[in-house]
Amino acid sequence: MRIVVLAGGVGGARFVRGVREAVRRAAPGAPLEGAAIDVIVNTGDDWWLAGLRITPDLDSMLYTLSGQNDEVRGWGRVGESERVSAELQEYGVTPPWFTLGDLDLGTHIARSAWLREGATPSEVVRRLQQRWELGVTLHPATDDEVDTHVVIAGDAGAGSGERELHFQEWWTRYRASLPAARFVQHGIESAAPSPGALDALLEADLVLVAPSNPVVSIGTVLAVPGMRDAITAERAPVVGVSPIIAGEAVRGMADACLSAIGVATDAGAVARHYGLRRDGGLLDGWLVAEEDAALVAPLDDEGFAVRAVPLWMRDLDTAAALAEEAVALGLALRDEG
């Protein structure tokens, strides 16, 4: 069995870790036994800083799956120091609101060196993940540079127009507090899915959409020309996991992103935003939280295959249990289909 996961951010990394654990725990002869896991990771958060290419979502995935992630902060390497970052800030090379750990900088320096030698982002990711036994194969959504920017709504009363910030400044410096008018992925029109992502989708038995930000993580992956078609054209069922529980974002500030595109912070609204595959959308199945069980019947009536399950990934056991629920729904859809 080959499982492909679309993911981004810390929540996506934790979900993928749960999928890996579910495969590891699978009983002999069970559908998940020996399953291969491919992860197509958002690259829209990437940016250049101090001459280095920073890839936050890919690095979160790499560190989480390798056991190197700082679980207290939720990002970066465990046991970090920040002496180099402090020096860079003293020189004015990096802003004070974006701190890079020394070990993390080692990853960025290696990546940037390989890119300058002519390696593609896919080749760089392949080299990075060879250092640790991840149990999954990571693929950047695209090998092209597609940086997400946020257009900030102007203040009509003050006579000021719109302005644009890189997503990292809006997210990290301002904590998504500035009202976003829209998101722009520069370079998206000429981008293409990475070869590894396309190959994985062609061979997929099941596609899972992680509980990542629907707008700037999953939305950016789907916006790569050809990606959505590659996902929905295959026979593999597509099952998504809601990033919203009881009207609140599970992690981060996804509510600010959803509001910017006119989608309510609601598990049902996010499902409708993704859409039904039979109607040209993305999903066949959708998992909502037990707290949102009232949404099951109306979404079922609309054609979504919906189950209400525990969504909180508090530890490895609960993350693995969630992954098992997603796979079980996917297998049920495949058998029906």
C-alpha atoms as a PDB file:
ATOM      1  CA  MET A   1       0.000   0.000   0.000  1.00  0.00           C
ATOM      2  CA  ARG A   2       1.248   3.495  -0.825  1.00  0.00           C
ATOM      3  CA  ILE A   3      -0.070   6.450   1.149  1.00  0.00           C
ATOM      4  CA  VAL A   4       0.493  10.027   0.010  1.00  0.00           C
ATOM      5  CA  VAL A   5      -0.002  12.847   2.508  1.00  0.00           C
ATOM      6  CA  LEU A   6      -0.390  16.528   1.624  1.00  0.00           C
ATOM      7  CA  ALA A   7       0.978  18.515   4.532  1.00  0.00           C
ATOM      8  CA  GLY A   8       2.543  21.667   5.894  1.00  0.00           C
ATOM      9  CA  GLY A   9       3.435  23.129   9.256  1.00  0.00           C
ATOM     10  CA  VAL A  10       3.706  21.647  12.717  1.00  0.00           C
ATOM     11  CA  GLY A  11       0.245  20.039  12.643  1.00  0.00           C
ATOM     12  CA  GLY A  12       1.068  18.362   9.355  1.00  0.00           C
ATOM     13  CA  ALA A  13       4.347  17.033  10.726  1.00  0.00           C
ATOM     14  CA  ARG A  14       2.642  15.580  13.791  1.00  0.00           C
ATOM     15  CA  PHE A  15      -0.013  13.953  11.639  1.00  0.00           C
ATOM     16  CA  VAL A  16       2.605  12.368   9.379  1.00  0.00           C
ATOM     17  CA  ARG A  17       4.391  11.073  12.456  1.00  0.00           C
ATOM     18  CA  GLY A  18       1.087   9.495  13.467  1.00  0.00           C
ATOM     19  CA  VAL A  19       0.692   7.871  10.043  1.00  0.00           C
ATOM     20  CA  ARG A  20       4.202   6.444  10.326  1.00  0.00           C
ATOM     21  CA  GLU A  21       3.446   5.096  13.784  1.00  0.00           C
ATOM     22  CA  ALA A  22       0.200   3.533  12.605  1.00  0.00           C
ATOM     23  CA  VAL A  23       2.150   1.700   9.896  1.00  0.00           C
ATOM     24  CA  ARG A  24       4.763   0.565  12.402  1.00  0.00           C
ATOM     25  CA  ARG A  25       2.065  -0.810  14.726  1.00  0.00           C
ATOM     26  CA  ALA A  26       0.092  -2.563  11.981  1.00  0.00           C
ATOM     27  CA  ALA A  27      -0.593  -6.226  12.662  1.00  0.00           C
ATOM     28  CA  PRO A  28       0.735  -8.838  10.221  1.00  0.00           C
ATOM     29  CA  GLY A  29      -1.589  -9.074   7.253  1.00  0.00           C
ATOM     30  CA  ALA A  30      -3.326  -5.776   8.056  1.00  0.00           C
ATOM     31  CA  PRO A  31      -3.739  -3.283   5.189  1.00  0.00           C
ATOM     32  CA  LEU A  32      -1.205  -0.915   6.718  1.00  0.00           C
ATOM     33  CA  GLU A  33       1.522  -3.514   7.156  1.00  0.00           C
ATOM     34  CA  GLY A  34       4.618  -2.353   5.293  1.00  0.00           C
ATOM     35  CA  ALA A  35       2.848   0.627   3.749  1.00  0.00           C
ATOM     36  CA  ALA A  36       5.046   3.202   2.005  1.00  0.00           C
ATOM     37  CA  ILE A  37       4.455   6.838   2.980  1.00  0.00           C
ATOM     38  CA  ASP A  38       5.169   9.788   0.695  1.00  0.00           C
ATOM     39  CA  VAL A  39       4.657  13.347   1.916  1.00  0.00           C
ATOM     40  CA  ILE A  40       4.136  16.296  -0.428  1.00  0.00           C
ATOM     41  CA  VAL A  41       5.141  19.335   1.609  1.00  0.00           C
ATOM     42  CA  ASN A  42       4.162  22.981   1.218  1.00  0.00           C
ATOM     43  CA  THR A  43       6.995  25.200  -0.003  1.00  0.00           C
ATOM     44  CA  GLY A  44       5.117  28.512  -0.086  1.00  0.00           C
ATOM     45  CA  ASP A  45       6.500  29.548   3.318  1.00  0.00           C
ATOM     46  CA  ASP A  46      10.068  29.368   1.982  1.00  0.00           C
ATOM     47  CA  TRP A  47      12.199  32.487   1.673  1.00  0.00           C
ATOM     48  CA  TRP A  48      15.720  33.821   1.342  1.00  0.00           C
ATOM     49  CA  LEU A  49      17.285  35.261   4.489  1.00  0.00           C
ATOM     50  CA  ALA A  50      20.929  36.264   4.943  1.00  0.00           C
ATOM     51  CA  GLY A  51      21.714  34.556   1.652  1.00  0.00           C
ATOM     52  CA  LEU A  52      20.239  31.270   2.874  1.00  0.00           C
ATOM     53  CA  ARG A  53      17.174  29.436   1.579  1.00  0.00           C
ATOM     54  CA  ILE A  54      14.875  28.767   4.546  1.00  0.00           C
ATOM     55  CA  THR A  55      12.196  26.062   4.167  1.00  0.00           C
ATOM     56  CA  PRO A  56      10.149  26.060   7.394  1.00  0.00           C
ATOM     57  CA  ASP A  57       7.593  23.354   6.577  1.00  0.00           C
ATOM     58  CA  LEU A  58      10.091  20.897   5.111  1.00  0.00           C
ATOM     59  CA  ASP A  59      12.394  21.454   8.077  1.00  0.00           C
ATOM     60  CA  SER A  60       9.559  20.952  10.583  1.00  0.00           C
ATOM     61  CA  MET A  61       8.815  17.661   8.862  1.00  0.00           C
ATOM     62  CA  LEU A  62      12.491  16.657   8.830  1.00  0.00           C
ATOM     63  CA  TYR A  63      13.084  17.493  12.496  1.00  0.00           C
ATOM     64  CA  THR A  64       9.803  16.021  13.775  1.00  0.00           C
ATOM     65  CA  LEU A  65      10.252  12.703  11.994  1.00  0.00           C
ATOM     66  CA  SER A  66      13.921  12.431  12.957  1.00  0.00           C
ATOM     67  CA  GLY A  67      13.252  13.147  16.643  1.00  0.00           C
ATOM     68  CA  GLN A  68      15.268  16.387  16.460  1.00  0.00           C
ATOM     69  CA  ASN A  69      12.316  18.769  16.866  1.00  0.00           C
ATOM     70  CA  ASP A  70      11.971  20.997  19.923  1.00  0.00           C
ATOM     71  CA  GLU A  71       8.653  19.709  21.215  1.00  0.00           C
ATOM     72  CA  VAL A  72       8.350  22.498  23.812  1.00  0.00           C
ATOM     73  CA  ARG A  73       8.548  25.367  21.320  1.00  0.00           C
ATOM     74  CA  GLY A  74       7.010  23.263  18.562  1.00  0.00           C
ATOM     75  CA  TRP A  75       9.625  24.283  15.988  1.00  0.00           C
ATOM     76  CA  GLY A  76      13.383  24.245  15.492  1.00  0.00           C
ATOM     77  CA  ARG A  77      15.963  21.778  16.782  1.00  0.00           C
ATOM     78  CA  VAL A  78      16.062  20.471  20.326  1.00  0.00           C
ATOM     79  CA  GLY A  79      18.995  21.696  22.429  1.00  0.00           C
ATOM     80  CA  GLU A  80      19.500  24.776  20.259  1.00  0.00           C
ATOM     81  CA  SER A  81      21.729  27.737  20.949  1.00  0.00           C
ATOM     82  CA  GLU A  82      21.242  31.043  19.167  1.00  0.00           C
ATOM     83  CA  ARG A  83      24.668  32.701  19.268  1.00  0.00           C
ATOM     84  CA  VAL A  84      25.058  32.962  15.503  1.00  0.00           C
ATOM     85  CA  SER A  85      21.581  34.418  15.080  1.00  0.00           C
ATOM     86  CA  ALA A  86      22.364  37.033  17.740  1.00  0.00           C
ATOM     87  CA  GLU A  87      25.482  38.032  15.805  1.00  0.00           C
ATOM     88  CA  LEU A  88      23.553  38.275  12.541  1.00  0.00           C
ATOM     89  CA  GLN A  89      21.012  40.531  14.219  1.00  0.00           C
ATOM     90  CA  GLU A  90      23.775  42.748  15.638  1.00  0.00           C
ATOM     91  CA  TYR A  91      25.084  43.202  12.101  1.00  0.00           C
ATOM     92  CA  GLY A  92      21.569  43.967  10.877  1.00  0.00           C
ATOM     93  CA  VAL A  93      21.601  41.027   8.466  1.00  0.00           C
ATOM     94  CA  THR A  94      18.526  39.334   9.946  1.00  0.00           C
ATOM     95  CA  PRO A  95      15.503  40.907  11.666  1.00  0.00           C
ATOM     96  CA  PRO A  96      15.046  40.529  15.432  1.00  0.00           C
ATOM     97  CA  TRP A  97      11.659  38.872  14.961  1.00  0.00           C
ATOM     98  CA  PHE A  98      13.035  35.835  13.100  1.00  0.00           C
ATOM     99  CA  THR A  99      15.553  33.818  15.094  1.00  0.00           C
ATOM    100  CA  LEU A 100      17.501  30.910  13.638  1.00  0.00           C
ATOM    101  CA  GLY A 101      19.103  28.347  15.916  1.00  0.00           C
ATOM    102  CA  ASP A 102      22.718  27.373  15.357  1.00  0.00           C
ATOM    103  CA  LEU A 103      21.913  23.743  14.514  1.00  0.00           C
ATOM    104  CA  ASP A 104      19.079  24.880  12.277  1.00  0.00           C
ATOM    105  CA  LEU A 105      21.488  27.225  10.502  1.00  0.00           C
ATOM    106  CA  GLY A 106      23.643  24.210   9.697  1.00  0.00           C
ATOM    107  CA  THR A 107      20.724  22.765   7.731  1.00  0.00           C
ATOM    108  CA  HIS A 108      20.116  26.053   5.912  1.00  0.00           C
ATOM    109  CA  ILE A 109      23.794  26.454   5.023  1.00  0.00           C
ATOM    110  CA  ALA A 110      23.987  22.908   3.655  1.00  0.00           C
ATOM    111  CA  ARG A 111      20.800  23.400   1.628  1.00  0.00           C
ATOM    112  CA  SER A 112      21.929  26.716   0.197  1.00  0.00           C
ATOM    113  CA  ALA A 113      25.363  25.352  -0.705  1.00  0.00           C
ATOM    114  CA  TRP A 114      23.825  22.439  -2.599  1.00  0.00           C
ATOM    115  CA  LEU A 115      21.374  24.736  -4.385  1.00  0.00           C
ATOM    116  CA  ARG A 116      24.240  26.966  -5.499  1.00  0.00           C
ATOM    117  CA  GLU A 117      26.059  23.893  -6.791  1.00  0.00           C
ATOM    118  CA  GLY A 118      23.066  23.260  -9.058  1.00  0.00           C
ATOM    119  CA  ALA A 119      21.054  20.710  -7.072  1.00  0.00           C
ATOM    120  CA  THR A 120      17.266  20.936  -7.316  1.00  0.00           C
ATOM    121  CA  PRO A 121      15.191  21.368  -4.151  1.00  0.00           C
ATOM    122  CA  SER A 122      14.046  17.746  -4.550  1.00  0.00           C
ATOM    123  CA  GLU A 123      17.667  16.585  -4.640  1.00  0.00           C
ATOM    124  CA  VAL A 124      18.450  18.705  -1.588  1.00  0.00           C
ATOM    125  CA  VAL A 125      15.534  17.224   0.359  1.00  0.00           C
ATOM    126  CA  ARG A 126      16.703  13.743  -0.637  1.00  0.00           C
ATOM    127  CA  ARG A 127      20.187  14.459   0.738  1.00  0.00           C
ATOM    128  CA  LEU A 128      18.905  15.992   3.957  1.00  0.00           C
ATOM    129  CA  GLN A 129      16.618  13.091   4.815  1.00  0.00           C
ATOM    130  CA  GLN A 130      19.374  10.543   4.231  1.00  0.00           C
ATOM    131  CA  ARG A 131      20.938  11.650   7.504  1.00  0.00           C
ATOM    132  CA  TRP A 132      18.145  10.095   9.569  1.00  0.00           C
ATOM    133  CA  GLU A 133      15.817   7.107   9.162  1.00  0.00           C
ATOM    134  CA  LEU A 134      12.540   8.986   8.730  1.00  0.00           C
ATOM    135  CA  GLY A 135      10.312   6.078   7.689  1.00  0.00           C
ATOM    136  CA  VAL A 136       8.719   8.298   5.009  1.00  0.00           C
ATOM    137  CA  THR A 137       9.823   9.981   1.787  1.00  0.00           C
ATOM    138  CA  LEU A 138       9.539  13.763   1.662  1.00  0.00           C
ATOM    139  CA  HIS A 139       8.901  15.696  -1.553  1.00  0.00           C
ATOM    140  CA  PRO A 140       8.725  19.475  -1.976  1.00  0.00           C
ATOM    141  CA  ALA A 141       5.455  20.416  -3.653  1.00  0.00           C
ATOM    142  CA  THR A 142       7.472  22.088  -6.399  1.00  0.00           C
ATOM    143  CA  ASP A 143      11.111  22.628  -7.293  1.00  0.00           C
ATOM    144  CA  ASP A 144      10.264  26.159  -8.392  1.00  0.00           C
ATOM    145  CA  GLU A 145      10.463  29.117  -6.023  1.00  0.00           C
ATOM    146  CA  VAL A 146       6.918  30.033  -5.025  1.00  0.00           C
ATOM    147  CA  ASP A 147       7.023  32.384  -2.030  1.00  0.00           C
ATOM    148  CA  THR A 148       3.728  33.341  -0.415  1.00  0.00           C
ATOM    149  CA  HIS A 149       3.133  37.042   0.190  1.00  0.00           C
ATOM    150  CA  VAL A 150       0.290  38.694   2.082  1.00  0.00           C
ATOM    151  CA  VAL A 151      -1.449  41.764   0.740  1.00  0.00           C
ATOM    152  CA  ILE A 152      -2.423  43.897   3.713  1.00  0.00           C
ATOM    153  CA  ALA A 153      -5.636  45.852   3.415  1.00  0.00           C
ATOM    154  CA  GLY A 154      -5.116  49.601   3.273  1.00  0.00           C
ATOM    155  CA  ASP A 155      -6.599  52.093   5.738  1.00  0.00           C
ATOM    156  CA  ALA A 156      -9.114  54.003   3.661  1.00  0.00           C
ATOM    157  CA  GLY A 157      -9.598  56.589   6.401  1.00  0.00           C
ATOM    158  CA  ALA A 158      -5.896  57.377   6.499  1.00  0.00           C
ATOM    159  CA  GLY A 159      -5.675  57.362   2.724  1.00  0.00           C
ATOM    160  CA  SER A 160      -3.093  54.588   2.647  1.00  0.00           C
ATOM    161  CA  GLY A 161      -3.220  51.861   0.019  1.00  0.00           C
ATOM    162  CA  GLU A 162      -2.476  48.172   0.156  1.00  0.00           C
ATOM    163  CA  ARG A 163       0.990  46.908   0.950  1.00  0.00           C
ATOM    164  CA  GLU A 164       2.588  43.521   0.601  1.00  0.00           C
ATOM    165  CA  LEU A 165       4.625  41.496   3.096  1.00  0.00           C
ATOM    166  CA  HIS A 166       6.330  38.153   2.819  1.00  0.00           C
ATOM    167  CA  PHE A 167       4.221  35.563   4.607  1.00  0.00           C
ATOM    168  CA  GLN A 168       6.957  35.005   7.190  1.00  0.00           C
ATOM    169  CA  GLU A 169       6.863  38.637   8.296  1.00  0.00           C
ATOM    170  CA  TRP A 170       3.066  38.652   8.522  1.00  0.00           C
ATOM    171  CA  TRP A 171       3.021  35.339  10.390  1.00  0.00           C
ATOM    172  CA  THR A 172       6.065  35.605  12.653  1.00  0.00           C
ATOM    173  CA  ARG A 173       6.473  39.315  13.263  1.00  0.00           C
ATOM    174  CA  TYR A 174       2.852  40.393  13.314  1.00  0.00           C
ATOM    175  CA  ARG A 175       1.293  37.065  14.368  1.00  0.00           C
ATOM    176  CA  ALA A 176      -1.297  37.462  11.581  1.00  0.00           C
ATOM    177  CA  SER A 177      -2.745  40.487  13.367  1.00  0.00           C
ATOM    178  CA  LEU A 178      -2.670  42.735  10.292  1.00  0.00           C
ATOM    179  CA  PRO A 179      -5.852  42.301   8.232  1.00  0.00           C
ATOM    180  CA  ALA A 180      -5.027  40.330   5.099  1.00  0.00           C
ATOM    181  CA  ALA A 181      -6.793  41.276   1.900  1.00  0.00           C
ATOM    182  CA  ARG A 182      -5.470  38.282  -0.014  1.00  0.00           C
ATOM    183  CA  PHE A 183      -2.529  35.933  -0.454  1.00  0.00           C
ATOM    184  CA  VAL A 184      -0.258  35.934  -3.490  1.00  0.00           C
ATOM    185  CA  GLN A 185       2.053  33.078  -4.452  1.00  0.00           C
ATOM    186  CA  HIS A 186       4.717  34.713  -6.583  1.00  0.00           C
ATOM    187  CA  GLY A 187       5.874  32.419  -9.361  1.00  0.00           C
ATOM    188  CA  ILE A 188       2.975  29.989  -9.030  1.00  0.00           C
ATOM    189  CA  GLU A 189       1.840  30.406 -12.635  1.00  0.00           C
ATOM    190  CA  SER A 190       5.054  28.985 -14.035  1.00  0.00           C
ATOM    191  CA  ALA A 191       5.600  26.345 -11.334  1.00  0.00           C
ATOM    192  CA  ALA A 192       5.184  22.601 -11.771  1.00  0.00           C
ATOM    193  CA  PRO A 193       4.802  19.736  -9.288  1.00  0.00           C
ATOM    194  CA  SER A 194       8.109  18.185  -8.289  1.00  0.00           C
ATOM    195  CA  PRO A 195       8.872  14.903 -10.090  1.00  0.00           C
ATOM    196  CA  GLY A 196       8.756  12.949  -6.838  1.00  0.00           C
ATOM    197  CA  ALA A 197       5.354  14.362  -5.953  1.00  0.00           C
ATOM    198  CA  LEU A 198       3.914  13.378  -9.328  1.00  0.00           C
ATOM    199  CA  ASP A 199       5.421   9.887  -9.200  1.00  0.00           C
ATOM    200  CA  ALA A 200       4.005   9.312  -5.722  1.00  0.00           C
ATOM    201  CA  LEU A 201       0.521  10.407  -6.781  1.00  0.00           C
ATOM    202  CA  LEU A 202       0.586   8.142  -9.820  1.00  0.00           C
ATOM    203  CA  GLU A 203       1.223   5.147  -7.548  1.00  0.00           C
ATOM    204  CA  ALA A 204      -0.950   6.196  -4.601  1.00  0.00           C
ATOM    205  CA  ASP A 205      -3.522   3.871  -3.085  1.00  0.00           C
ATOM    206  CA  LEU A 206      -4.730   6.561  -0.683  1.00  0.00           C
ATOM    207  CA  VAL A 207      -4.267  10.337  -0.441  1.00  0.00           C
ATOM    208  CA  LEU A 208      -4.580  11.995   2.966  1.00  0.00           C
ATOM    209  CA  VAL A 209      -4.922  15.749   3.503  1.00  0.00           C
ATOM    210  CA  ALA A 210      -3.303  16.582   6.835  1.00  0.00           C
ATOM    211  CA  PRO A 211      -4.901  19.004   9.329  1.00  0.00           C
ATOM    212  CA  SER A 212      -2.654  21.787   8.035  1.00  0.00           C
ATOM    213  CA  ASN A 213      -3.592  25.365   7.212  1.00  0.00           C
ATOM    214  CA  PRO A 214      -6.154  25.070   4.371  1.00  0.00           C
ATOM    215  CA  VAL A 215      -5.143  28.379   2.806  1.00  0.00           C
ATOM    216  CA  VAL A 216      -1.368  28.871   2.938  1.00  0.00           C
ATOM    217  CA  SER A 217      -0.250  25.246   3.363  1.00  0.00           C
ATOM    218  CA  ILE A 218      -2.643  22.873   1.581  1.00  0.00           C
ATOM    219  CA  GLY A 219      -3.966  25.705  -0.576  1.00  0.00           C
ATOM    220  CA  THR A 220      -0.487  26.497  -1.873  1.00  0.00           C
ATOM    221  CA  VAL A 221       0.232  22.845  -2.655  1.00  0.00           C
ATOM    222  CA  LEU A 222      -3.026  22.605  -4.615  1.00  0.00           C
ATOM    223  CA  ALA A 223      -2.321  25.875  -6.429  1.00  0.00           C
ATOM    224  CA  VAL A 224       0.766  24.456  -8.162  1.00  0.00           C
ATOM    225  CA  PRO A 225      -0.441  23.992 -11.763  1.00  0.00           C
ATOM    226  CA  GLY A 226      -1.168  20.328 -12.420  1.00  0.00           C
ATOM    227  CA  MET A 227      -1.127  19.282  -8.762  1.00  0.00           C
ATOM    228  CA  ARG A 228      -4.873  19.197  -8.151  1.00  0.00           C
ATOM    229  CA  ASP A 229      -5.462  17.324 -11.399  1.00  0.00           C
ATOM    230  CA  ALA A 230      -2.785  14.785 -10.483  1.00  0.00           C
ATOM    231  CA  ILE A 231      -4.491  14.192  -7.136  1.00  0.00           C
ATOM    232  CA  THR A 232      -8.093  13.972  -8.260  1.00  0.00           C
ATOM    233  CA  ALA A 233      -7.541  12.144 -11.548  1.00  0.00           C
ATOM    234  CA  GLU A 234      -6.263   9.006  -9.825  1.00  0.00           C
ATOM    235  CA  ARG A 235      -8.347   6.163  -8.445  1.00  0.00           C
ATOM    236  CA  ALA A 236      -7.012   6.671  -4.915  1.00  0.00           C
ATOM    237  CA  PRO A 237      -9.588   7.993  -2.423  1.00  0.00           C
ATOM    238  CA  VAL A 238      -8.831  11.423  -0.938  1.00  0.00           C
ATOM    239  CA  VAL A 239      -9.552  11.814   2.781  1.00  0.00           C
ATOM    240  CA  GLY A 240      -9.014  15.069   4.652  1.00  0.00           C
ATOM    241  CA  VAL A 241      -8.662  15.799   8.360  1.00  0.00           C
ATOM    242  CA  SER A 242     -10.196  18.993   9.689  1.00  0.00           C
ATOM    243  CA  PRO A 243      -7.773  21.557  11.158  1.00  0.00           C
ATOM    244  CA  ILE A 244     -10.720  23.168  12.956  1.00  0.00           C
ATOM    245  CA  ILE A 245     -12.228  21.847  16.184  1.00  0.00           C
ATOM    246  CA  ALA A 246     -15.385  23.405  17.626  1.00  0.00           C
ATOM    247  CA  GLY A 247     -14.924  26.573  15.628  1.00  0.00           C
ATOM    248  CA  GLU A 248     -11.291  27.145  16.552  1.00  0.00           C
ATOM    249  CA  ALA A 249      -8.035  26.491  14.719  1.00  0.00           C
ATOM    250  CA  VAL A 250      -6.115  23.577  16.192  1.00  0.00           C
ATOM    251  CA  ARG A 251      -2.775  25.345  15.772  1.00  0.00           C
ATOM    252  CA  GLY A 252      -1.458  28.671  14.636  1.00  0.00           C
ATOM    253  CA  MET A 253      -3.636  31.379  13.169  1.00  0.00           C
ATOM    254  CA  ALA A 254      -5.481  29.544  10.429  1.00  0.00           C
ATOM    255  CA  ASP A 255      -8.612  31.503  11.330  1.00  0.00           C
ATOM    256  CA  ALA A 256      -6.969  34.719  10.094  1.00  0.00           C
ATOM    257  CA  CYS A 257      -6.138  33.025   6.788  1.00  0.00           C
ATOM    258  CA  LEU A 258      -9.627  31.603   6.374  1.00  0.00           C
ATOM    259  CA  SER A 259     -11.224  34.968   7.131  1.00  0.00           C
ATOM    260  CA  ALA A 260      -9.089  36.590   4.440  1.00  0.00           C
ATOM    261  CA  ILE A 261     -10.605  34.332   1.760  1.00  0.00           C
ATOM    262  CA  GLY A 262     -14.144  34.516   3.161  1.00  0.00           C
ATOM    263  CA  VAL A 263     -14.313  31.035   4.708  1.00  0.00           C
ATOM    264  CA  ALA A 264     -15.712  30.591   8.215  1.00  0.00           C
ATOM    265  CA  THR A 265     -13.580  28.978  10.910  1.00  0.00           C
ATOM    266  CA  ASP A 266     -15.714  25.871  10.889  1.00  0.00           C
ATOM    267  CA  ALA A 267     -14.990  22.240   9.973  1.00  0.00           C
ATOM    268  CA  GLY A 268     -17.961  22.131   7.610  1.00  0.00           C
ATOM    269  CA  ALA A 269     -16.966  25.359   5.892  1.00  0.00           C
ATOM    270  CA  VAL A 270     -13.432  24.046   5.314  1.00  0.00           C
ATOM    271  CA  ALA A 271     -14.807  20.825   3.801  1.00  0.00           C
ATOM    272  CA  ARG A 272     -16.951  22.861   1.414  1.00  0.00           C
ATOM    273  CA  HIS A 273     -13.949  25.056   0.620  1.00  0.00           C
ATOM    274  CA  TYR A 274     -12.010  21.969  -0.479  1.00  0.00           C
ATOM    275  CA  GLY A 275     -15.090  20.649  -2.256  1.00  0.00           C
ATOM    276  CA  LEU A 276     -16.307  17.220  -3.307  1.00  0.00           C
ATOM    277  CA  ARG A 277     -14.202  15.416  -5.876  1.00  0.00           C
ATOM    278  CA  ARG A 278     -17.286  14.291  -7.812  1.00  0.00           C
ATOM    279  CA  ASP A 279     -18.150  17.978  -8.288  1.00  0.00           C
ATOM    280  CA  GLY A 280     -14.648  19.023  -9.325  1.00  0.00           C
ATOM    281  CA  GLY A 281     -13.327  19.510  -5.796  1.00  0.00           C
ATOM    282  CA  LEU A 282     -10.748  17.621  -3.767  1.00  0.00           C
ATOM    283  CA  LEU A 283     -12.337  15.371  -1.159  1.00  0.00           C
ATOM    284  CA  ASP A 284     -14.075  12.031  -0.978  1.00  0.00           C
ATOM    285  CA  GLY A 285     -13.980  11.737   2.810  1.00  0.00           C
ATOM    286  CA  TRP A 286     -13.625  14.113   5.747  1.00  0.00           C
ATOM    287  CA  LEU A 287     -12.841  13.597   9.421  1.00  0.00           C
ATOM    288  CA  VAL A 288     -14.257  16.054  11.931  1.00  0.00           C
ATOM    289  CA  ALA A 289     -13.790  16.209  15.684  1.00  0.00           C
ATOM    290  CA  GLU A 290     -16.168  14.542  18.094  1.00  0.00           C
ATOM    291  CA  GLU A 291     -16.997  18.067  19.229  1.00  0.00           C
ATOM    292  CA  ASP A 292     -18.320  18.717  15.716  1.00  0.00           C
ATOM    293  CA  ALA A 293     -20.464  15.573  15.422  1.00  0.00           C
ATOM    294  CA  ALA A 294     -23.494  17.725  14.571  1.00  0.00           C
ATOM    295  CA  LEU A 295     -21.835  18.469  11.215  1.00  0.00           C
ATOM    296  CA  VAL A 296     -21.809  14.834  10.112  1.00  0.00           C
ATOM    297  CA  ALA A 297     -25.418  14.552   8.952  1.00  0.00           C
ATOM    298  CA  PRO A 298     -25.547  17.746   6.840  1.00  0.00           C
ATOM    299  CA  LEU A 299     -22.187  17.008   5.228  1.00  0.00           C
ATOM    300  CA  ASP A 300     -23.282  13.438   4.532  1.00  0.00           C
ATOM    301  CA  ASP A 301     -26.374  14.824   2.838  1.00  0.00           C
ATOM    302  CA  GLU A 302     -24.124  16.903   0.595  1.00  0.00           C
ATOM    303  CA  GLY A 303     -22.175  13.810  -0.459  1.00  0.00           C
ATOM    304  CA  PHE A 304     -19.121  13.882   1.812  1.00  0.00           C
ATOM    305  CA  ALA A 305     -18.262  10.637   3.607  1.00  0.00           C
ATOM    306  CA  VAL A 306     -17.822  12.006   7.128  1.00  0.00           C
ATOM    307  CA  ARG A 307     -16.843  10.515  10.469  1.00  0.00           C
ATOM    308  CA  ALA A 308     -16.542  12.250  13.840  1.00  0.00           C
ATOM    309  CA  VAL A 309     -13.437  11.025  15.677  1.00  0.00           C
ATOM    310  CA  PRO A 310     -10.969  12.318  18.295  1.00  0.00           C
ATOM    311  CA  LEU A 311      -8.792  14.859  16.456  1.00  0.00           C
ATOM    312  CA  TRP A 312      -6.506  16.127  19.207  1.00  0.00           C
ATOM    313  CA  MET A 313      -2.974  14.792  18.652  1.00  0.00           C
ATOM    314  CA  ARG A 314      -1.785  15.026  22.239  1.00  0.00           C
ATOM    315  CA  ASP A 315       0.849  12.317  21.926  1.00  0.00           C
ATOM    316  CA  LEU A 316       2.052   9.571  19.628  1.00  0.00           C
ATOM    317  CA  ASP A 317      -0.827   7.252  20.566  1.00  0.00           C
ATOM    318  CA  THR A 318      -3.545   9.779  19.735  1.00  0.00           C
ATOM    319  CA  ALA A 319      -1.775  10.809  16.512  1.00  0.00           C
ATOM    320  CA  ALA A 320      -1.516   7.164  15.421  1.00  0.00           C
ATOM    321  CA  ALA A 321      -5.181   6.572  16.285  1.00  0.00           C
ATOM    322  CA  LEU A 322      -6.193   9.568  14.158  1.00  0.00           C
ATOM    323  CA  ALA A 323      -4.134   8.280  11.251  1.00  0.00           C
ATOM    324  CA  GLU A 324      -5.780   4.877  11.564  1.00  0.00           C
ATOM    325  CA  GLU A 325      -9.209   6.520  11.379  1.00  0.00           C
ATOM    326  CA  ALA A 326      -8.218   8.403   8.216  1.00  0.00           C
ATOM    327  CA  VAL A 327      -6.856   5.261   6.587  1.00  0.00           C
ATOM    328  CA  ALA A 328      -9.924   3.224   7.610  1.00  0.00           C
ATOM    329  CA  LEU A 329     -12.244   5.751   5.980  1.00  0.00           C
ATOM    330  CA  GLY A 330     -10.104   5.761   2.846  1.00  0.00           C
ATOM    331  CA  LEU A 331     -10.107   1.968   2.614  1.00  0.00           C
ATOM    332  CA  ALA A 332     -13.875   1.882   3.109  1.00  0.00           C
ATOM    333  CA  LEU A 333     -14.289   4.364   0.248  1.00  0.00           C
ATOM    334  CA  ARG A 334     -11.945   2.359  -1.955  1.00  0.00           C
ATOM    335  CA  ASP A 335     -13.878  -0.854  -1.287  1.00  0.00           C
ATOM    336  CA  GLU A 336     -17.150   0.907  -2.123  1.00  0.00           C
ATOM    337  CA  GLY A 337     -15.749   2.267  -5.222  1.00  0.00           C
END
